[in-house]
Amino acid sequence: GPRTVILGPNGAGKSVLMRICHGLLA
């Protein structure tokens, strides 16, 4: 349902969090 936007400063871990969700990173 809701569109989720991930915000935060540089180096906060945003992209790593997304890659773990997707399964690209364990």
PDB file of all heavy atoms in Angstrom:
ATOM      1  N   GLY A   1       0.793  -1.222   0.000  1.00  0.00           N
ATOM      2  CA  GLY A   1       0.000   0.000   0.000  1.00  0.00           C
ATOM      3  C   GLY A   1       0.820   1.264   0.000  1.00  0.00           C
ATOM      4  O   GLY A   1       1.259   1.733  -1.068  1.00  0.00           O
ATOM      5  N   PRO A   2       1.072   1.858   1.172  1.00  0.00           N
ATOM      6  CA  PRO A   2       1.698   3.183   1.203  1.00  0.00           C
ATOM      7  C   PRO A   2       3.059   3.205   0.528  1.00  0.00           C
ATOM      8  O   PRO A   2       3.844   2.259   0.642  1.00  0.00           O
ATOM      9  CB  PRO A   2       1.834   3.465   2.712  1.00  0.00           C
ATOM     10  CG  PRO A   2       0.859   2.568   3.378  1.00  0.00           C
ATOM     11  CD  PRO A   2       0.766   1.352   2.518  1.00  0.00           C
ATOM     12  N   ARG A   3       3.327   4.302  -0.160  1.00  0.00           N
ATOM     13  CA  ARG A   3       4.644   4.506  -0.760  1.00  0.00           C
ATOM     14  C   ARG A   3       5.611   4.940   0.345  1.00  0.00           C
ATOM     15  O   ARG A   3       5.361   5.924   1.040  1.00  0.00           O
ATOM     16  CB  ARG A   3       4.569   5.569  -1.852  1.00  0.00           C
ATOM     17  CG  ARG A   3       3.671   5.186  -3.014  1.00  0.00           C
ATOM     18  CD  ARG A   3       3.323   6.384  -3.879  1.00  0.00           C
ATOM     19  NE  ARG A   3       2.535   7.365  -3.126  1.00  0.00           N
ATOM     20  CZ  ARG A   3       2.117   8.526  -3.611  1.00  0.00           C
ATOM     21  NH1 ARG A   3       2.413   8.876  -4.848  1.00  0.00           N
ATOM     22  NH2 ARG A   3       1.415   9.357  -2.867  1.00  0.00           N
ATOM     23  N   THR A   4       6.709   4.214   0.462  1.00  0.00           N
ATOM     24  CA  THR A   4       7.678   4.453   1.528  1.00  0.00           C
ATOM     25  C   THR A   4       8.906   5.129   0.948  1.00  0.00           C
ATOM     26  O   THR A   4       9.536   4.597   0.025  1.00  0.00           O
ATOM     27  CB  THR A   4       8.078   3.136   2.202  1.00  0.00           C
ATOM     28  OG1 THR A   4       6.902   2.502   2.736  1.00  0.00           O
ATOM     29  CG2 THR A   4       9.074   3.382   3.319  1.00  0.00           C
ATOM     30  N   VAL A   5       9.245   6.302   1.491  1.00  0.00           N
ATOM     31  CA  VAL A   5      10.433   7.035   1.064  1.00  0.00           C
ATOM     32  C   VAL A   5      11.453   6.986   2.193  1.00  0.00           C
ATOM     33  O   VAL A   5      11.126   7.236   3.357  1.00  0.00           O
ATOM     34  CB  VAL A   5      10.093   8.496   0.727  1.00  0.00           C
ATOM     35  CG1 VAL A   5      11.356   9.291   0.434  1.00  0.00           C
ATOM     36  CG2 VAL A   5       9.158   8.557  -0.468  1.00  0.00           C
ATOM     37  N   ILE A   6      12.694   6.635   1.831  1.00  0.00           N
ATOM     38  CA  ILE A   6      13.778   6.552   2.804  1.00  0.00           C
ATOM     39  C   ILE A   6      14.663   7.783   2.647  1.00  0.00           C
ATOM     40  O   ILE A   6      15.216   8.031   1.579  1.00  0.00           O
ATOM     41  CB  ILE A   6      14.597   5.268   2.608  1.00  0.00           C
ATOM     42  CG1 ILE A   6      13.686   4.039   2.702  1.00  0.00           C
ATOM     43  CG2 ILE A   6      15.723   5.185   3.637  1.00  0.00           C
ATOM     44  CD1 ILE A   6      14.381   2.725   2.366  1.00  0.00           C
ATOM     45  N   LEU A   7      14.765   8.562   3.722  1.00  0.00           N
ATOM     46  CA  LEU A   7      15.577   9.774   3.743  1.00  0.00           C
ATOM     47  C   LEU A   7      16.651   9.647   4.818  1.00  0.00           C
ATOM     48  O   LEU A   7      16.521   8.864   5.757  1.00  0.00           O
ATOM     49  CB  LEU A   7      14.713  11.005   4.051  1.00  0.00           C
ATOM     50  CG  LEU A   7      13.631  11.396   3.058  1.00  0.00           C
ATOM     51  CD1 LEU A   7      12.835  12.586   3.595  1.00  0.00           C
ATOM     52  CD2 LEU A   7      14.238  11.742   1.702  1.00  0.00           C
ATOM     53  N   GLY A   8      17.680  10.474   4.677  1.00  0.00           N
ATOM     54  CA  GLY A   8      18.726  10.515   5.687  1.00  0.00           C
ATOM     55  C   GLY A   8      19.988  11.106   5.112  1.00  0.00           C
ATOM     56  O   GLY A   8      20.152  11.203   3.894  1.00  0.00           O
ATOM     57  N   PRO A   9      20.906  11.501   5.980  1.00  0.00           N
ATOM     58  CA  PRO A   9      22.150  12.105   5.503  1.00  0.00           C
ATOM     59  C   PRO A   9      23.042  11.103   4.789  1.00  0.00           C
ATOM     60  O   PRO A   9      22.835   9.882   4.859  1.00  0.00           O
ATOM     61  CB  PRO A   9      22.812  12.602   6.795  1.00  0.00           C
ATOM     62  CG  PRO A   9      22.223  11.768   7.874  1.00  0.00           C
ATOM     63  CD  PRO A   9      20.821  11.467   7.443  1.00  0.00           C
ATOM     64  N   ASN A  10      24.037  11.629   4.104  1.00  0.00           N
ATOM     65  CA  ASN A  10      24.984  10.790   3.391  1.00  0.00           C
ATOM     66  C   ASN A  10      25.673   9.836   4.354  1.00  0.00           C
ATOM     67  O   ASN A  10      26.107  10.231   5.432  1.00  0.00           O
ATOM     68  CB  ASN A  10      26.025  11.685   2.707  1.00  0.00           C
ATOM     69  CG  ASN A  10      26.911  10.914   1.761  1.00  0.00           C
ATOM     70  OD1 ASN A  10      26.454  10.001   1.097  1.00  0.00           O
ATOM     71  ND2 ASN A  10      28.178  11.287   1.702  1.00  0.00           N
ATOM     72  N   GLY A  11      25.733   8.544   3.968  1.00  0.00           N
ATOM     73  CA  GLY A  11      26.397   7.563   4.809  1.00  0.00           C
ATOM     74  C   GLY A  11      25.550   6.995   5.924  1.00  0.00           C
ATOM     75  O   GLY A  11      26.043   6.229   6.755  1.00  0.00           O
ATOM     76  N   ALA A  12      24.259   7.336   5.943  1.00  0.00           N
ATOM     77  CA  ALA A  12      23.393   6.880   7.032  1.00  0.00           C
ATOM     78  C   ALA A  12      23.039   5.409   6.910  1.00  0.00           C
ATOM     79  O   ALA A  12      22.622   4.794   7.893  1.00  0.00           O
ATOM     80  CB  ALA A  12      22.114   7.716   7.070  1.00  0.00           C
ATOM     81  N   GLY A  13      23.156   4.833   5.707  1.00  0.00           N
ATOM     82  CA  GLY A  13      22.830   3.430   5.508  1.00  0.00           C
ATOM     83  C   GLY A  13      21.588   3.193   4.684  1.00  0.00           C
ATOM     84  O   GLY A  13      21.079   2.070   4.619  1.00  0.00           O
ATOM     85  N   LYS A  14      21.093   4.224   3.995  1.00  0.00           N
ATOM     86  CA  LYS A  14      19.827   4.121   3.250  1.00  0.00           C
ATOM     87  C   LYS A  14      19.897   3.064   2.146  1.00  0.00           C
ATOM     88  O   LYS A  14      19.023   2.193   2.048  1.00  0.00           O
ATOM     89  CB  LYS A  14      19.472   5.489   2.632  1.00  0.00           C
ATOM     90  CG  LYS A  14      19.402   6.639   3.602  1.00  0.00           C
ATOM     91  CD  LYS A  14      19.004   7.940   2.930  1.00  0.00           C
ATOM     92  CE  LYS A  14      19.981   8.426   1.881  1.00  0.00           C
ATOM     93  NZ  LYS A  14      21.309   8.774   2.451  1.00  0.00           N
ATOM     94  N   SER A  15      20.897   3.169   1.290  1.00  0.00           N
ATOM     95  CA  SER A  15      20.985   2.247   0.157  1.00  0.00           C
ATOM     96  C   SER A  15      21.295   0.828   0.600  1.00  0.00           C
ATOM     97  O   SER A  15      20.803  -0.141   0.009  1.00  0.00           O
ATOM     98  CB  SER A  15      22.042   2.733  -0.844  1.00  0.00           C
ATOM     99  OG  SER A  15      21.606   3.935  -1.479  1.00  0.00           O
ATOM    100  N   VAL A  16      22.102   0.682   1.640  1.00  0.00           N
ATOM    101  CA  VAL A  16      22.379  -0.650   2.170  1.00  0.00           C
ATOM    102  C   VAL A  16      21.102  -1.270   2.717  1.00  0.00           C
ATOM    103  O   VAL A  16      20.820  -2.460   2.492  1.00  0.00           O
ATOM    104  CB  VAL A  16      23.467  -0.580   3.261  1.00  0.00           C
ATOM    105  CG1 VAL A  16      23.573  -1.913   4.000  1.00  0.00           C
ATOM    106  CG2 VAL A  16      24.810  -0.222   2.642  1.00  0.00           C
ATOM    107  N   LEU A  17      20.306  -0.478   3.409  1.00  0.00           N
ATOM    108  CA  LEU A  17      19.028  -0.973   3.920  1.00  0.00           C
ATOM    109  C   LEU A  17      18.152  -1.477   2.778  1.00  0.00           C
ATOM    110  O   LEU A  17      17.563  -2.566   2.864  1.00  0.00           O
ATOM    111  CB  LEU A  17      18.312   0.139   4.680  1.00  0.00           C
ATOM    112  CG  LEU A  17      16.895  -0.166   5.166  1.00  0.00           C
ATOM    113  CD1 LEU A  17      16.880  -1.350   6.125  1.00  0.00           C
ATOM    114  CD2 LEU A  17      16.277   1.076   5.819  1.00  0.00           C
ATOM    115  N   MET A  18      18.079  -0.717   1.694  1.00  0.00           N
ATOM    116  CA  MET A  18      17.247  -1.129   0.571  1.00  0.00           C
ATOM    117  C   MET A  18      17.793  -2.395  -0.085  1.00  0.00           C
ATOM    118  O   MET A  18      17.025  -3.299  -0.452  1.00  0.00           O
ATOM    119  CB  MET A  18      17.150   0.000  -0.457  1.00  0.00           C
ATOM    120  CG  MET A  18      16.343  -0.381  -1.677  1.00  0.00           C
ATOM    121  SD  MET A  18      16.060   1.019  -2.773  1.00  0.00           S
ATOM    122  CE  MET A  18      14.860   1.933  -1.824  1.00  0.00           C
ATOM    123  N   ARG A  19      19.095  -2.495  -0.229  1.00  0.00           N
ATOM    124  CA  ARG A  19      19.678  -3.684  -0.855  1.00  0.00           C
ATOM    125  C   ARG A  19      19.458  -4.929   0.004  1.00  0.00           C
ATOM    126  O   ARG A  19      19.287  -6.029  -0.533  1.00  0.00           O
ATOM    127  CB  ARG A  19      21.161  -3.449  -1.116  1.00  0.00           C
ATOM    128  CG  ARG A  19      21.417  -2.591  -2.358  1.00  0.00           C
ATOM    129  CD  ARG A  19      22.828  -2.044  -2.404  1.00  0.00           C
ATOM    130  NE  ARG A  19      23.119  -1.435  -3.689  1.00  0.00           N
ATOM    131  CZ  ARG A  19      22.664  -0.264  -4.096  1.00  0.00           C
ATOM    132  NH1 ARG A  19      21.859   0.443  -3.307  1.00  0.00           N
ATOM    133  NH2 ARG A  19      22.978   0.228  -5.288  1.00  0.00           N
ATOM    134  N   ILE A  20      19.449  -4.775   1.302  1.00  0.00           N
ATOM    135  CA  ILE A  20      19.152  -5.909   2.176  1.00  0.00           C
ATOM    136  C   ILE A  20      17.686  -6.308   2.025  1.00  0.00           C
ATOM    137  O   ILE A  20      17.358  -7.497   1.958  1.00  0.00           O
ATOM    138  CB  ILE A  20      19.512  -5.570   3.633  1.00  0.00           C
ATOM    139  CG1 ILE A  20      21.032  -5.599   3.794  1.00  0.00           C
ATOM    140  CG2 ILE A  20      18.837  -6.530   4.609  1.00  0.00           C
ATOM    141  CD1 ILE A  20      21.528  -5.186   5.168  1.00  0.00           C
ATOM    142  N   CYS A  21      16.803  -5.327   1.948  1.00  0.00           N
ATOM    143  CA  CYS A  21      15.383  -5.631   1.735  1.00  0.00           C
ATOM    144  C   CYS A  21      15.190  -6.410   0.433  1.00  0.00           C
ATOM    145  O   CYS A  21      14.431  -7.387   0.380  1.00  0.00           O
ATOM    146  CB  CYS A  21      14.559  -4.349   1.697  1.00  0.00           C
ATOM    147  SG  CYS A  21      14.361  -3.505   3.283  1.00  0.00           S
ATOM    148  N   HIS A  22      15.878  -5.990  -0.612  1.00  0.00           N
ATOM    149  CA  HIS A  22      15.724  -6.612  -1.928  1.00  0.00           C
ATOM    150  C   HIS A  22      16.411  -7.970  -2.003  1.00  0.00           C
ATOM    151  O   HIS A  22      16.061  -8.807  -2.841  1.00  0.00           O
ATOM    152  CB  HIS A  22      16.288  -5.677  -2.992  1.00  0.00           C
ATOM    153  CG  HIS A  22      16.155  -6.169  -4.399  1.00  0.00           C
ATOM    154  ND1 HIS A  22      14.966  -6.616  -4.927  1.00  0.00           N
ATOM    155  CD2 HIS A  22      17.070  -6.293  -5.396  1.00  0.00           C
ATOM    156  CE1 HIS A  22      15.148  -6.981  -6.191  1.00  0.00           C
ATOM    157  NE2 HIS A  22      16.423  -6.801  -6.491  1.00  0.00           N
ATOM    158  N   GLY A  23      17.400  -8.184  -1.150  1.00  0.00           N
ATOM    159  CA  GLY A  23      18.123  -9.451  -1.167  1.00  0.00           C
ATOM    160  C   GLY A  23      19.460  -9.400  -1.871  1.00  0.00           C
ATOM    161  O   GLY A  23      20.125 -10.430  -2.021  1.00  0.00           O
ATOM    162  N   LEU A  24      19.885  -8.221  -2.304  1.00  0.00           N
ATOM    163  CA  LEU A  24      21.191  -8.104  -2.946  1.00  0.00           C
ATOM    164  C   LEU A  24      22.326  -8.240  -1.944  1.00  0.00           C
ATOM    165  O   LEU A  24      23.434  -8.629  -2.296  1.00  0.00           O
ATOM    166  CB  LEU A  24      21.310  -6.758  -3.669  1.00  0.00           C
ATOM    167  CG  LEU A  24      20.498  -6.609  -4.948  1.00  0.00           C
ATOM    168  CD1 LEU A  24      20.647  -5.194  -5.481  1.00  0.00           C
ATOM    169  CD2 LEU A  24      20.941  -7.610  -5.996  1.00  0.00           C
ATOM    170  N   LEU A  25      22.061  -7.854  -0.704  1.00  0.00           N
ATOM    171  CA  LEU A  25      23.016  -8.013   0.380  1.00  0.00           C
ATOM    172  C   LEU A  25      22.385  -8.863   1.475  1.00  0.00           C
ATOM    173  O   LEU A  25      21.173  -8.762   1.719  1.00  0.00           O
ATOM    174  CB  LEU A  25      23.409  -6.652   0.975  1.00  0.00           C
ATOM    175  CG  LEU A  25      24.231  -5.695   0.117  1.00  0.00           C
ATOM    176  CD1 LEU A  25      24.403  -4.364   0.838  1.00  0.00           C
ATOM    177  CD2 LEU A  25      25.591  -6.301  -0.225  1.00  0.00           C
ATOM    178  N   ALA A  26      23.199  -9.657   2.119  1.00  0.00           N
ATOM    179  CA  ALA A  26      22.727 -10.421   3.274  1.00  0.00           C
ATOM    180  C   ALA A  26      23.150  -9.690   4.540  1.00  0.00           C
ATOM    181  O   ALA A  26      24.300  -9.223   4.639  1.00  0.00           O
ATOM    182  CB  ALA A  26      23.318 -11.830   3.257  1.00  0.00           C
TER     183      ALA A  26
END
